[in-house]
Amino acid sequence: QVQLVESGGGSVQAGESLRLSCAASGDISRLQMVGWFRQGPGKPRELIVAITSGNRITSYLDSVKGRFTISRDDAKSTVALQMNSLKPEDTGDYFCSGRESNSWAYWGQGTQVTVSS
C-alpha cells in the first residue's frame, strides 16, 4: 500500500505563488509515476502533469504551461508542484496520485487552492 498526503494549499491573490507538496509513504517502489490533478468548481478532475520514477516529466496541461513546475525529491519521498503567476481559474482542489499497473491507484485527500482576482 501507498499513502499520499498533500500540503501547501491556501488562498492567494492573482499573480502570487504557491508550492504544493505530496508526501509519499509505504511501498512507493510500486509507483510508476506520481501525478498532480486538480478539480475546479463544477468541473471534472484533470491531470496537470506527472513525473515518472525515472524523473521523466509528462506534458503539462496547456493552461499551466510556463507557470507550473513539477519536481521530486527521492530522499524525502516528496513530489512538489510549484505554481507561479496564479490565476482565478486555477482555483480548485488539488490532488496527487500514484500510478501502478497503468492505473491511478492511490490518491491523497487533496488540498484546496483559492485564487482571488
N, C-alpha and C. Protein backbone atom coordinates (compact mmCIF):
# COMPACT_ATOMS: atom_id res chain seq x y z
N GLN A 1 0.84 -1.21 0.00
CA GLN A 1 0.00 0.00 0.00
C GLN A 1 0.87 1.25 0.00
N VAL A 2 0.29 2.31 -0.51
CA VAL A 2 0.96 3.60 -0.59
C VAL A 2 0.02 4.65 0.00
N GLN A 3 0.58 5.55 0.78
CA GLN A 3 -0.18 6.66 1.32
C GLN A 3 0.39 7.96 0.76
N LEU A 4 -0.51 8.86 0.39
CA LEU A 4 -0.12 10.15 -0.17
C LEU A 4 -0.81 11.26 0.62
N VAL A 5 -0.04 12.27 0.98
CA VAL A 5 -0.59 13.39 1.73
C VAL A 5 -0.15 14.69 1.09
N GLU A 6 -1.12 15.51 0.68
CA GLU A 6 -0.82 16.80 0.07
C GLU A 6 -0.79 17.89 1.13
N SER A 7 -0.03 18.92 0.85
CA SER A 7 0.01 20.10 1.71
C SER A 7 0.40 21.29 0.88
N GLY A 8 0.21 22.48 1.43
CA GLY A 8 0.66 23.69 0.76
C GLY A 8 -0.41 24.54 0.12
N GLY A 9 -1.65 24.08 0.14
CA GLY A 9 -2.72 24.89 -0.44
C GLY A 9 -3.00 26.13 0.38
N GLY A 10 -3.84 27.00 -0.15
CA GLY A 10 -4.20 28.20 0.57
C GLY A 10 -4.93 29.18 -0.30
N SER A 11 -5.11 30.38 0.22
CA SER A 11 -5.78 31.45 -0.51
C SER A 11 -4.78 32.54 -0.85
N VAL A 12 -4.71 32.89 -2.12
CA VAL A 12 -3.76 33.91 -2.58
C VAL A 12 -4.44 34.85 -3.55
N GLN A 13 -3.75 35.93 -3.86
CA GLN A 13 -4.20 36.87 -4.88
C GLN A 13 -3.65 36.44 -6.24
N ALA A 14 -4.34 36.84 -7.28
CA ALA A 14 -3.86 36.56 -8.64
C ALA A 14 -2.45 37.10 -8.81
N GLY A 15 -1.61 36.30 -9.45
CA GLY A 15 -0.23 36.69 -9.66
C GLY A 15 0.75 36.14 -8.63
N GLU A 16 0.22 35.67 -7.51
CA GLU A 16 1.08 35.13 -6.46
C GLU A 16 1.40 33.67 -6.72
N SER A 17 2.18 33.10 -5.81
CA SER A 17 2.66 31.73 -5.99
C SER A 17 2.28 30.84 -4.80
N LEU A 18 2.21 29.56 -5.07
CA LEU A 18 2.07 28.54 -4.02
C LEU A 18 2.93 27.34 -4.41
N ARG A 19 3.36 26.64 -3.40
CA ARG A 19 4.11 25.40 -3.64
C ARG A 19 3.40 24.27 -2.92
N LEU A 20 2.89 23.34 -3.70
CA LEU A 20 2.23 22.17 -3.14
C LEU A 20 3.23 21.05 -2.97
N SER A 21 3.02 20.25 -1.95
CA SER A 21 3.89 19.10 -1.72
C SER A 21 3.05 17.85 -1.53
N CYS A 22 3.54 16.74 -2.08
CA CYS A 22 2.89 15.44 -1.93
C CYS A 22 3.90 14.52 -1.26
N ALA A 23 3.60 14.12 -0.03
CA ALA A 23 4.48 13.23 0.71
C ALA A 23 3.99 11.80 0.56
N ALA A 24 4.87 10.93 0.12
CA ALA A 24 4.52 9.54 -0.11
C ALA A 24 5.14 8.65 0.96
N SER A 25 4.41 7.65 1.38
CA SER A 25 4.93 6.67 2.33
C SER A 25 4.38 5.29 1.98
N GLY A 26 4.98 4.28 2.56
CA GLY A 26 4.58 2.92 2.24
C GLY A 26 5.48 2.34 1.16
N ASP A 27 4.94 1.45 0.37
CA ASP A 27 5.71 0.76 -0.65
C ASP A 27 5.76 1.58 -1.93
N ILE A 28 6.47 2.71 -1.88
CA ILE A 28 6.46 3.64 -3.01
C ILE A 28 7.21 3.11 -4.22
N SER A 29 7.96 2.04 -4.05
CA SER A 29 8.65 1.44 -5.20
C SER A 29 7.64 0.89 -6.21
N ARG A 30 6.38 0.72 -5.78
CA ARG A 30 5.33 0.20 -6.67
C ARG A 30 4.92 1.24 -7.71
N LEU A 31 5.22 2.49 -7.44
CA LEU A 31 4.69 3.57 -8.27
C LEU A 31 5.47 3.75 -9.56
N GLN A 32 4.75 3.78 -10.68
CA GLN A 32 5.36 4.08 -11.97
C GLN A 32 5.59 5.58 -12.10
N MET A 33 4.66 6.34 -11.58
CA MET A 33 4.75 7.79 -11.63
C MET A 33 3.81 8.40 -10.60
N VAL A 34 4.03 9.68 -10.32
CA VAL A 34 3.15 10.45 -9.44
C VAL A 34 2.65 11.65 -10.24
N GLY A 35 1.36 11.87 -10.16
CA GLY A 35 0.77 12.97 -10.89
C GLY A 35 0.05 13.96 -9.99
N TRP A 36 -0.05 15.17 -10.48
CA TRP A 36 -0.87 16.19 -9.83
C TRP A 36 -2.12 16.41 -10.67
N PHE A 37 -3.26 16.39 -10.00
CA PHE A 37 -4.55 16.62 -10.62
C PHE A 37 -5.21 17.82 -9.95
N ARG A 38 -6.18 18.39 -10.62
CA ARG A 38 -6.98 19.40 -9.97
C ARG A 38 -8.43 19.26 -10.42
N GLN A 39 -9.32 19.78 -9.56
CA GLN A 39 -10.75 19.78 -9.87
C GLN A 39 -11.33 21.13 -9.46
N GLY A 40 -11.67 21.92 -10.47
CA GLY A 40 -12.29 23.21 -10.20
C GLY A 40 -13.76 23.06 -9.89
N PRO A 41 -14.38 24.10 -9.37
CA PRO A 41 -15.80 24.06 -9.03
C PRO A 41 -16.65 23.69 -10.25
N GLY A 42 -17.41 22.62 -10.14
CA GLY A 42 -18.28 22.20 -11.23
C GLY A 42 -17.56 21.64 -12.44
N LYS A 43 -16.30 21.33 -12.28
CA LYS A 43 -15.51 20.81 -13.41
C LYS A 43 -15.01 19.40 -13.13
N PRO A 44 -14.70 18.64 -14.15
CA PRO A 44 -14.13 17.31 -13.93
C PRO A 44 -12.68 17.40 -13.46
N ARG A 45 -12.24 16.35 -12.81
CA ARG A 45 -10.83 16.31 -12.39
C ARG A 45 -9.95 16.18 -13.63
N GLU A 46 -8.85 16.92 -13.64
CA GLU A 46 -7.95 16.88 -14.79
C GLU A 46 -6.50 16.72 -14.35
N LEU A 47 -5.75 16.02 -15.17
CA LEU A 47 -4.33 15.81 -14.90
C LEU A 47 -3.56 17.05 -15.30
N ILE A 48 -2.77 17.56 -14.37
CA ILE A 48 -1.94 18.73 -14.65
C ILE A 48 -0.61 18.28 -15.26
N VAL A 49 0.06 17.36 -14.59
CA VAL A 49 1.38 16.88 -15.02
C VAL A 49 1.74 15.69 -14.15
N ALA A 50 2.62 14.86 -14.64
CA ALA A 50 3.10 13.72 -13.86
C ALA A 50 4.60 13.57 -14.05
N ILE A 51 5.23 12.88 -13.10
CA ILE A 51 6.66 12.62 -13.17
C ILE A 51 6.89 11.15 -12.87
N THR A 52 7.75 10.52 -13.66
CA THR A 52 7.97 9.09 -13.51
C THR A 52 9.05 8.80 -12.46
N SER A 53 9.17 7.53 -12.14
CA SER A 53 10.21 7.12 -11.20
C SER A 53 11.58 7.39 -11.77
N GLY A 54 11.70 7.48 -13.09
CA GLY A 54 12.96 7.81 -13.73
C GLY A 54 13.13 9.30 -13.98
N ASN A 55 12.27 10.09 -13.36
CA ASN A 55 12.35 11.56 -13.43
C ASN A 55 11.97 12.15 -14.79
N ARG A 56 11.24 11.37 -15.59
CA ARG A 56 10.73 11.93 -16.84
C ARG A 56 9.40 12.64 -16.55
N ILE A 57 9.24 13.81 -17.16
CA ILE A 57 8.04 14.61 -16.90
C ILE A 57 7.13 14.56 -18.12
N THR A 58 5.87 14.34 -17.88
CA THR A 58 4.90 14.32 -18.97
C THR A 58 4.59 15.75 -19.41
N SER A 59 3.79 15.89 -20.43
CA SER A 59 3.39 17.22 -20.87
C SER A 59 2.51 17.89 -19.81
N TYR A 60 2.68 19.18 -19.67
CA TYR A 60 1.84 19.95 -18.77
C TYR A 60 0.50 20.27 -19.43
N LEU A 61 -0.51 20.39 -18.60
CA LEU A 61 -1.80 20.90 -19.05
C LEU A 61 -1.56 22.25 -19.73
N ASP A 62 -2.15 22.47 -20.89
CA ASP A 62 -1.87 23.69 -21.66
C ASP A 62 -2.04 24.95 -20.83
N SER A 63 -3.06 24.99 -20.02
CA SER A 63 -3.38 26.22 -19.29
C SER A 63 -2.37 26.56 -18.19
N VAL A 64 -1.47 25.63 -17.87
CA VAL A 64 -0.49 25.91 -16.81
C VAL A 64 0.94 25.95 -17.33
N LYS A 65 1.12 25.68 -18.62
CA LYS A 65 2.47 25.67 -19.17
C LYS A 65 3.18 26.99 -18.95
N GLY A 66 4.41 26.90 -18.50
CA GLY A 66 5.20 28.09 -18.24
C GLY A 66 4.97 28.68 -16.87
N ARG A 67 3.96 28.18 -16.16
CA ARG A 67 3.67 28.73 -14.83
C ARG A 67 3.86 27.69 -13.72
N PHE A 68 3.60 26.44 -14.01
CA PHE A 68 3.71 25.37 -13.01
C PHE A 68 4.93 24.50 -13.33
N THR A 69 5.55 24.00 -12.27
CA THR A 69 6.70 23.11 -12.42
C THR A 69 6.62 21.98 -11.41
N ILE A 70 6.77 20.76 -11.90
CA ILE A 70 6.77 19.59 -11.01
C ILE A 70 8.21 19.17 -10.75
N SER A 71 8.45 18.65 -9.56
CA SER A 71 9.77 18.15 -9.22
C SER A 71 9.63 17.07 -8.16
N ARG A 72 10.67 16.28 -8.00
CA ARG A 72 10.62 15.23 -6.98
C ARG A 72 11.89 15.24 -6.16
N ASP A 73 11.78 14.84 -4.91
CA ASP A 73 12.92 14.71 -4.01
C ASP A 73 12.85 13.30 -3.45
N ASP A 74 13.60 12.40 -4.03
CA ASP A 74 13.52 10.99 -3.62
C ASP A 74 14.02 10.78 -2.19
N ALA A 75 14.94 11.62 -1.75
CA ALA A 75 15.44 11.49 -0.38
C ALA A 75 14.32 11.74 0.64
N LYS A 76 13.41 12.63 0.27
CA LYS A 76 12.30 12.96 1.17
C LYS A 76 11.00 12.29 0.77
N SER A 77 11.03 11.55 -0.34
CA SER A 77 9.82 10.89 -0.86
C SER A 77 8.69 11.90 -1.08
N THR A 78 9.04 13.01 -1.69
CA THR A 78 8.05 14.04 -1.97
C THR A 78 8.06 14.42 -3.44
N VAL A 79 6.91 14.87 -3.91
CA VAL A 79 6.77 15.44 -5.24
C VAL A 79 6.12 16.80 -5.07
N ALA A 80 6.74 17.81 -5.59
CA ALA A 80 6.26 19.18 -5.41
C ALA A 80 5.67 19.72 -6.71
N LEU A 81 4.76 20.66 -6.56
CA LEU A 81 4.21 21.39 -7.69
C LEU A 81 4.34 22.87 -7.37
N GLN A 82 5.28 23.52 -8.03
CA GLN A 82 5.48 24.96 -7.87
C GLN A 82 4.53 25.67 -8.81
N MET A 83 3.69 26.54 -8.27
CA MET A 83 2.68 27.23 -9.08
C MET A 83 2.93 28.73 -8.99
N ASN A 84 3.30 29.32 -10.10
CA ASN A 84 3.57 30.75 -10.17
C ASN A 84 2.51 31.46 -11.00
N SER A 85 2.45 32.76 -10.85
CA SER A 85 1.51 33.58 -11.63
C SER A 85 0.11 32.99 -11.61
N LEU A 86 -0.36 32.70 -10.42
CA LEU A 86 -1.66 32.04 -10.29
C LEU A 86 -2.79 32.92 -10.79
N LYS A 87 -3.79 32.27 -11.34
CA LYS A 87 -4.96 32.95 -11.89
C LYS A 87 -6.22 32.46 -11.18
N PRO A 88 -7.28 33.24 -11.19
CA PRO A 88 -8.53 32.79 -10.56
C PRO A 88 -9.01 31.43 -11.09
N GLU A 89 -8.74 31.16 -12.35
CA GLU A 89 -9.18 29.88 -12.93
C GLU A 89 -8.36 28.70 -12.43
N ASP A 90 -7.30 28.96 -11.67
CA ASP A 90 -6.54 27.87 -11.05
C ASP A 90 -7.19 27.40 -9.75
N THR A 91 -8.22 28.09 -9.33
CA THR A 91 -8.92 27.72 -8.10
C THR A 91 -9.48 26.31 -8.18
N GLY A 92 -9.31 25.55 -7.10
CA GLY A 92 -9.85 24.20 -7.06
C GLY A 92 -9.19 23.36 -6.00
N ASP A 93 -9.56 22.10 -6.00
CA ASP A 93 -8.93 21.12 -5.12
C ASP A 93 -7.83 20.42 -5.90
N TYR A 94 -6.68 20.32 -5.29
CA TYR A 94 -5.52 19.73 -5.94
C TYR A 94 -5.18 18.41 -5.25
N PHE A 95 -4.95 17.40 -6.06
CA PHE A 95 -4.70 16.05 -5.56
C PHE A 95 -3.42 15.50 -6.18
N CYS A 96 -2.68 14.74 -5.41
CA CYS A 96 -1.63 13.94 -6.01
C CYS A 96 -2.08 12.49 -6.06
N SER A 97 -1.57 11.78 -7.03
CA SER A 97 -1.98 10.40 -7.24
C SER A 97 -0.78 9.56 -7.66
N GLY A 98 -0.77 8.32 -7.23
CA GLY A 98 0.28 7.40 -7.62
C GLY A 98 -0.23 6.38 -8.62
N ARG A 99 0.55 6.17 -9.65
CA ARG A 99 0.16 5.26 -10.72
C ARG A 99 0.86 3.92 -10.55
N GLU A 100 0.07 2.86 -10.63
CA GLU A 100 0.57 1.49 -10.52
C GLU A 100 -0.19 0.64 -11.50
N SER A 101 0.51 -0.19 -12.24
CA SER A 101 -0.12 -1.09 -13.21
C SER A 101 -1.05 -0.33 -14.15
N ASN A 102 -0.56 0.82 -14.62
CA ASN A 102 -1.29 1.64 -15.60
C ASN A 102 -2.63 2.14 -15.10
N SER A 103 -2.74 2.34 -13.81
CA SER A 103 -3.95 2.89 -13.22
C SER A 103 -3.56 3.86 -12.12
N TRP A 104 -4.31 4.96 -12.02
CA TRP A 104 -4.07 5.90 -10.91
C TRP A 104 -4.71 5.28 -9.68
N ALA A 105 -3.89 4.53 -8.94
CA ALA A 105 -4.41 3.64 -7.90
C ALA A 105 -4.48 4.28 -6.52
N TYR A 106 -3.65 5.27 -6.28
CA TYR A 106 -3.56 5.85 -4.94
C TYR A 106 -3.80 7.34 -5.02
N TRP A 107 -4.55 7.85 -4.05
CA TRP A 107 -4.90 9.27 -4.04
C TRP A 107 -4.73 9.85 -2.65
N GLY A 108 -4.30 11.11 -2.63
CA GLY A 108 -4.29 11.84 -1.39
C GLY A 108 -5.67 12.43 -1.12
N GLN A 109 -5.79 13.14 -0.01
CA GLN A 109 -7.08 13.70 0.37
C GLN A 109 -7.35 15.04 -0.31
N GLY A 110 -6.31 15.61 -0.89
CA GLY A 110 -6.47 16.88 -1.60
C GLY A 110 -6.14 18.08 -0.73
N THR A 111 -5.79 19.15 -1.40
CA THR A 111 -5.54 20.43 -0.74
C THR A 111 -6.19 21.52 -1.58
N GLN A 112 -6.79 22.49 -0.92
CA GLN A 112 -7.57 23.49 -1.62
C GLN A 112 -6.74 24.71 -1.98
N VAL A 113 -6.93 25.19 -3.19
CA VAL A 113 -6.27 26.39 -3.68
C VAL A 113 -7.35 27.38 -4.12
N THR A 114 -7.28 28.58 -3.58
CA THR A 114 -8.22 29.63 -3.96
C THR A 114 -7.43 30.85 -4.41
N VAL A 115 -7.72 31.30 -5.61
CA VAL A 115 -7.03 32.46 -6.17
C VAL A 115 -8.06 33.55 -6.42
N SER A 116 -7.85 34.68 -5.79
CA SER A 116 -8.78 35.80 -5.91
C SER A 116 -8.23 36.84 -6.88
N SER A 117 -9.12 37.47 -7.59
CA SER A 117 -8.70 38.49 -8.56
C SER A 117 -8.57 39.85 -7.91
